[in-house]
């Protein structure tokens, strides 16, 4: 699994980078070779003005052979946004895998 991390207006510290990598690899690691690439994007929506839930974490997981799962989560804290988004992408992957398996069973 290739992990691409991008930050727009968010300070990408070593702690945050490690947090993103650990959470995403833990959430998607059990899906093995099905996950080709994961793009994580952290964006500060309000810029320097601050206020509210202004950090958006988008996780786009590209799957073999040609599908993908995309989730977005907003929070005031980038660590919380990453944690929630990684949980959501894991649930989305599980639903996708179950759906594909059910379709295969129906065809057989």
N, C-alpha and C. Protein backbone atom coordinates (compact mmCIF):
# COMPACT_ATOMS: atom_id res chain seq x y z
N UNK A 1 0.85 -1.17 0.00
CA UNK A 1 0.00 0.00 0.00
C UNK A 1 0.90 1.23 0.00
N UNK A 2 0.66 2.08 -0.97
CA UNK A 2 1.40 3.34 -1.05
C UNK A 2 0.58 4.43 -0.37
N UNK A 3 1.22 5.20 0.50
CA UNK A 3 0.54 6.25 1.26
C UNK A 3 1.07 7.60 0.82
N UNK A 4 0.16 8.47 0.39
CA UNK A 4 0.49 9.82 -0.05
C UNK A 4 -0.18 10.79 0.91
N UNK A 5 0.59 11.61 1.59
CA UNK A 5 0.07 12.55 2.58
C UNK A 5 0.31 13.96 2.11
N UNK A 6 -0.76 14.76 2.11
CA UNK A 6 -0.67 16.16 1.69
C UNK A 6 -1.34 17.04 2.72
N UNK A 7 -0.75 18.21 2.94
CA UNK A 7 -1.30 19.16 3.90
C UNK A 7 -1.40 20.53 3.25
N UNK A 8 -2.54 21.18 3.43
CA UNK A 8 -2.78 22.50 2.87
C UNK A 8 -3.21 23.42 4.01
N UNK A 9 -2.29 24.24 4.48
CA UNK A 9 -2.62 25.16 5.57
C UNK A 9 -2.55 24.53 6.95
N UNK A 10 -2.09 23.30 7.03
CA UNK A 10 -1.97 22.58 8.30
C UNK A 10 -0.49 22.26 8.50
N UNK A 11 0.02 22.55 9.69
CA UNK A 11 1.43 22.25 9.99
C UNK A 11 1.60 20.74 10.08
N UNK A 12 2.40 20.20 9.19
CA UNK A 12 2.60 18.75 9.13
C UNK A 12 3.83 18.39 9.94
N UNK A 13 3.63 18.23 11.24
CA UNK A 13 4.71 17.89 12.15
C UNK A 13 5.03 16.40 12.04
N UNK A 14 6.16 16.00 12.60
CA UNK A 14 6.52 14.58 12.60
C UNK A 14 5.51 13.75 13.37
N UNK A 15 4.99 14.31 14.49
CA UNK A 15 3.98 13.60 15.28
C UNK A 15 2.71 13.36 14.47
N UNK A 16 2.27 14.39 13.74
CA UNK A 16 1.07 14.25 12.94
C UNK A 16 1.30 13.27 11.79
N UNK A 17 2.44 13.34 11.16
CA UNK A 17 2.77 12.41 10.07
C UNK A 17 2.77 10.96 10.58
N UNK A 18 3.38 10.72 11.75
CA UNK A 18 3.39 9.38 12.34
C UNK A 18 1.98 8.91 12.69
N UNK A 19 1.18 9.83 13.24
CA UNK A 19 -0.20 9.50 13.61
C UNK A 19 -1.00 9.07 12.38
N UNK A 20 -0.87 9.83 11.29
CA UNK A 20 -1.60 9.51 10.06
C UNK A 20 -1.17 8.14 9.55
N UNK A 21 0.12 7.90 9.49
CA UNK A 21 0.61 6.64 8.96
C UNK A 21 0.15 5.45 9.80
N UNK A 22 0.24 5.57 11.12
CA UNK A 22 -0.17 4.46 11.99
C UNK A 22 -1.66 4.19 11.89
N UNK A 23 -2.47 5.26 11.92
CA UNK A 23 -3.93 5.06 11.89
C UNK A 23 -4.39 4.46 10.57
N UNK A 24 -3.85 4.97 9.46
CA UNK A 24 -4.29 4.49 8.15
C UNK A 24 -3.81 3.06 7.91
N UNK A 25 -2.57 2.78 8.24
CA UNK A 25 -2.06 1.42 8.04
C UNK A 25 -2.79 0.42 8.92
N UNK A 26 -3.14 0.82 10.16
CA UNK A 26 -3.90 -0.08 11.03
C UNK A 26 -5.30 -0.30 10.48
N UNK A 27 -5.95 0.77 10.03
CA UNK A 27 -7.33 0.67 9.55
C UNK A 27 -7.44 -0.15 8.27
N UNK A 28 -6.46 -0.04 7.38
CA UNK A 28 -6.56 -0.69 6.08
C UNK A 28 -5.63 -1.88 5.90
N UNK A 29 -4.80 -2.16 6.89
CA UNK A 29 -3.82 -3.23 6.77
C UNK A 29 -4.43 -4.60 6.56
N UNK A 30 -5.59 -4.85 7.12
CA UNK A 30 -6.19 -6.18 7.00
C UNK A 30 -6.75 -6.45 5.61
N UNK A 31 -6.84 -5.42 4.78
CA UNK A 31 -7.35 -5.61 3.43
C UNK A 31 -6.25 -5.96 2.45
N UNK A 32 -5.01 -5.96 2.92
CA UNK A 32 -3.86 -6.44 2.17
C UNK A 32 -3.68 -5.84 0.80
N UNK A 33 -3.58 -6.72 -0.19
CA UNK A 33 -3.27 -6.30 -1.56
C UNK A 33 -4.44 -5.65 -2.27
N UNK A 34 -5.60 -5.63 -1.67
CA UNK A 34 -6.74 -4.96 -2.30
C UNK A 34 -6.54 -3.46 -2.37
N UNK A 35 -5.77 -2.91 -1.44
CA UNK A 35 -5.54 -1.46 -1.39
C UNK A 35 -4.25 -1.15 -2.13
N UNK A 36 -4.38 -0.42 -3.21
CA UNK A 36 -3.20 -0.04 -4.00
C UNK A 36 -2.55 1.22 -3.45
N UNK A 37 -3.36 2.26 -3.29
CA UNK A 37 -2.84 3.57 -2.92
C UNK A 37 -3.83 4.26 -1.99
N UNK A 38 -3.30 5.01 -1.04
CA UNK A 38 -4.14 5.80 -0.14
C UNK A 38 -3.61 7.23 -0.16
N UNK A 39 -4.51 8.16 -0.44
CA UNK A 39 -4.16 9.57 -0.42
C UNK A 39 -4.88 10.23 0.75
N UNK A 40 -4.11 10.81 1.66
CA UNK A 40 -4.65 11.51 2.81
C UNK A 40 -4.36 12.99 2.62
N UNK A 41 -5.40 13.80 2.70
CA UNK A 41 -5.27 15.24 2.52
C UNK A 41 -5.83 15.95 3.74
N UNK A 42 -4.99 16.78 4.36
CA UNK A 42 -5.42 17.60 5.49
C UNK A 42 -5.49 19.05 5.02
N UNK A 43 -6.66 19.67 5.20
CA UNK A 43 -6.88 21.02 4.71
C UNK A 43 -7.46 21.89 5.81
N UNK A 44 -6.90 23.08 5.96
CA UNK A 44 -7.45 24.07 6.89
C UNK A 44 -8.46 24.89 6.09
N UNK A 45 -9.74 24.70 6.34
CA UNK A 45 -10.79 25.32 5.55
C UNK A 45 -10.90 26.82 5.78
N UNK A 46 -10.67 27.28 7.00
CA UNK A 46 -10.81 28.70 7.31
C UNK A 46 -9.50 29.47 7.22
N UNK A 47 -8.43 28.79 6.98
CA UNK A 47 -7.13 29.46 6.92
C UNK A 47 -6.76 30.06 8.26
N UNK A 48 -6.12 31.21 8.25
CA UNK A 48 -5.66 31.80 9.51
C UNK A 48 -6.78 32.38 10.37
N UNK A 49 -8.01 32.44 9.85
CA UNK A 49 -9.12 33.01 10.63
C UNK A 49 -9.50 32.13 11.81
N UNK A 50 -9.28 30.82 11.70
CA UNK A 50 -9.62 29.90 12.79
C UNK A 50 -11.11 29.67 12.89
N UNK A 51 -11.52 29.19 14.08
CA UNK A 51 -12.94 28.98 14.34
C UNK A 51 -13.43 27.59 13.99
N UNK A 52 -14.31 27.05 14.81
CA UNK A 52 -15.07 25.84 14.55
C UNK A 52 -14.30 24.63 14.06
N UNK A 53 -15.03 23.75 13.42
CA UNK A 53 -14.45 22.53 12.85
C UNK A 53 -13.86 22.89 11.49
N UNK A 54 -12.63 23.32 11.50
CA UNK A 54 -12.08 23.85 10.27
C UNK A 54 -10.95 23.03 9.66
N UNK A 55 -10.65 21.86 10.21
CA UNK A 55 -9.66 20.97 9.61
C UNK A 55 -10.42 19.81 8.95
N UNK A 56 -10.19 19.63 7.65
CA UNK A 56 -10.83 18.54 6.92
C UNK A 56 -9.78 17.49 6.59
N UNK A 57 -10.10 16.25 6.90
CA UNK A 57 -9.24 15.12 6.54
C UNK A 57 -9.99 14.30 5.50
N UNK A 58 -9.41 14.20 4.32
CA UNK A 58 -9.98 13.38 3.25
C UNK A 58 -9.07 12.18 3.05
N UNK A 59 -9.66 10.99 3.02
CA UNK A 59 -8.91 9.78 2.75
C UNK A 59 -9.53 9.12 1.53
N UNK A 60 -8.71 8.93 0.50
CA UNK A 60 -9.14 8.32 -0.74
C UNK A 60 -8.33 7.05 -0.93
N UNK A 61 -8.97 5.91 -0.79
CA UNK A 61 -8.30 4.62 -0.94
C UNK A 61 -8.65 4.04 -2.30
N UNK A 62 -7.63 3.80 -3.11
CA UNK A 62 -7.83 3.20 -4.43
C UNK A 62 -7.60 1.70 -4.32
N UNK A 63 -8.56 0.95 -4.86
CA UNK A 63 -8.56 -0.50 -4.69
C UNK A 63 -8.30 -1.21 -6.00
N UNK A 64 -7.79 -2.42 -5.88
CA UNK A 64 -7.60 -3.26 -7.06
C UNK A 64 -8.93 -3.91 -7.38
N UNK A 65 -9.37 -4.04 -8.57
CA UNK A 65 -8.73 -3.55 -9.77
C UNK A 65 -9.06 -2.11 -10.11
N UNK A 66 -10.29 -1.61 -9.81
CA UNK A 66 -10.60 -0.28 -10.32
C UNK A 66 -11.60 0.51 -9.49
N UNK A 67 -11.81 0.18 -8.25
CA UNK A 67 -12.78 0.92 -7.44
C UNK A 67 -12.04 1.75 -6.39
N UNK A 68 -12.81 2.53 -5.64
CA UNK A 68 -12.20 3.36 -4.60
C UNK A 68 -13.21 3.67 -3.51
N UNK A 69 -12.68 4.07 -2.36
CA UNK A 69 -13.48 4.48 -1.22
C UNK A 69 -12.97 5.85 -0.80
N UNK A 70 -13.87 6.82 -0.65
CA UNK A 70 -13.51 8.17 -0.28
C UNK A 70 -14.32 8.59 0.93
N UNK A 71 -13.63 9.11 1.96
CA UNK A 71 -14.32 9.64 3.14
C UNK A 71 -13.72 10.99 3.48
N UNK A 72 -14.54 11.83 4.13
CA UNK A 72 -14.08 13.12 4.63
C UNK A 72 -14.58 13.28 6.05
N UNK A 73 -13.76 13.92 6.86
CA UNK A 73 -14.13 14.17 8.25
C UNK A 73 -13.61 15.54 8.63
N UNK A 74 -14.41 16.30 9.36
CA UNK A 74 -14.01 17.63 9.83
C UNK A 74 -13.90 17.63 11.34
N UNK A 75 -12.92 18.40 11.82
CA UNK A 75 -12.72 18.54 13.26
C UNK A 75 -11.86 19.77 13.50
N UNK A 76 -11.87 20.27 14.73
CA UNK A 76 -10.99 21.38 15.09
C UNK A 76 -9.55 20.90 15.27
N UNK A 77 -9.39 19.60 15.57
CA UNK A 77 -8.07 19.03 15.83
C UNK A 77 -7.70 18.08 14.69
N UNK A 78 -6.54 18.27 14.06
CA UNK A 78 -6.18 17.38 12.96
C UNK A 78 -6.01 15.92 13.37
N UNK A 79 -5.56 15.66 14.60
CA UNK A 79 -5.39 14.29 15.08
C UNK A 79 -6.75 13.59 15.18
N UNK A 80 -7.76 14.32 15.68
CA UNK A 80 -9.11 13.76 15.79
C UNK A 80 -9.71 13.53 14.41
N UNK A 81 -9.49 14.46 13.49
CA UNK A 81 -10.02 14.30 12.13
C UNK A 81 -9.44 13.06 11.46
N UNK A 82 -8.14 12.83 11.63
CA UNK A 82 -7.49 11.66 11.04
C UNK A 82 -8.03 10.38 11.68
N UNK A 83 -8.18 10.38 12.99
CA UNK A 83 -8.67 9.18 13.69
C UNK A 83 -10.07 8.81 13.22
N UNK A 84 -10.96 9.78 13.14
CA UNK A 84 -12.33 9.49 12.73
C UNK A 84 -12.40 9.08 11.26
N UNK A 85 -11.63 9.77 10.42
CA UNK A 85 -11.66 9.45 8.99
C UNK A 85 -11.09 8.05 8.73
N UNK A 86 -10.04 7.67 9.45
CA UNK A 86 -9.48 6.33 9.25
C UNK A 86 -10.46 5.25 9.70
N UNK A 87 -11.20 5.50 10.77
CA UNK A 87 -12.23 4.55 11.19
C UNK A 87 -13.33 4.42 10.12
N UNK A 88 -13.72 5.56 9.55
CA UNK A 88 -14.77 5.55 8.54
C UNK A 88 -14.32 4.86 7.25
N UNK A 89 -13.06 5.07 6.85
CA UNK A 89 -12.59 4.43 5.63
C UNK A 89 -12.49 2.91 5.82
N UNK A 90 -12.16 2.47 7.03
CA UNK A 90 -12.13 1.03 7.31
C UNK A 90 -13.54 0.43 7.19
N UNK A 91 -14.53 1.13 7.73
CA UNK A 91 -15.92 0.66 7.60
C UNK A 91 -16.36 0.63 6.15
N UNK A 92 -15.99 1.67 5.40
CA UNK A 92 -16.33 1.72 3.98
C UNK A 92 -15.69 0.58 3.20
N UNK A 93 -14.45 0.28 3.52
CA UNK A 93 -13.76 -0.84 2.87
C UNK A 93 -14.45 -2.16 3.19
N UNK A 94 -14.82 -2.35 4.45
CA UNK A 94 -15.49 -3.59 4.85
C UNK A 94 -16.82 -3.74 4.10
N UNK A 95 -17.58 -2.65 3.98
CA UNK A 95 -18.84 -2.70 3.23
C UNK A 95 -18.59 -3.04 1.76
N UNK A 96 -17.57 -2.42 1.20
CA UNK A 96 -17.24 -2.67 -0.21
C UNK A 96 -16.87 -4.14 -0.44
N UNK A 97 -16.00 -4.67 0.40
CA UNK A 97 -15.58 -6.07 0.27
C UNK A 97 -16.77 -7.01 0.44
N UNK A 98 -17.62 -6.75 1.41
CA UNK A 98 -18.81 -7.59 1.61
C UNK A 98 -19.73 -7.53 0.40
N UNK A 99 -19.90 -6.35 -0.18
CA UNK A 99 -20.75 -6.19 -1.35
C UNK A 99 -20.20 -6.99 -2.54
N UNK A 100 -18.90 -6.92 -2.76
CA UNK A 100 -18.28 -7.65 -3.86
C UNK A 100 -18.42 -9.15 -3.65
N UNK A 101 -18.21 -9.62 -2.43
CA UNK A 101 -18.35 -11.04 -2.15
C UNK A 101 -19.78 -11.52 -2.34
N UNK A 102 -20.75 -10.70 -1.94
CA UNK A 102 -22.16 -11.07 -2.13
C UNK A 102 -22.50 -11.15 -3.61
N UNK A 103 -21.97 -10.26 -4.41
CA UNK A 103 -22.22 -10.29 -5.86
C UNK A 103 -21.63 -11.56 -6.48
N UNK A 104 -20.44 -11.95 -6.03
CA UNK A 104 -19.82 -13.16 -6.54
C UNK A 104 -20.64 -14.40 -6.18
N UNK A 105 -21.17 -14.42 -4.95
CA UNK A 105 -21.99 -15.56 -4.52
C UNK A 105 -23.26 -15.65 -5.36
N UNK A 106 -23.87 -14.50 -5.67
CA UNK A 106 -25.10 -14.51 -6.46
C UNK A 106 -24.85 -15.02 -7.87
N UNK A 107 -23.69 -14.72 -8.43
CA UNK A 107 -23.36 -15.16 -9.78
C UNK A 107 -23.10 -16.66 -9.84
N UNK A 108 -22.60 -17.20 -8.75
CA UNK A 108 -22.20 -18.64 -8.74
C UNK A 108 -23.39 -19.56 -8.67
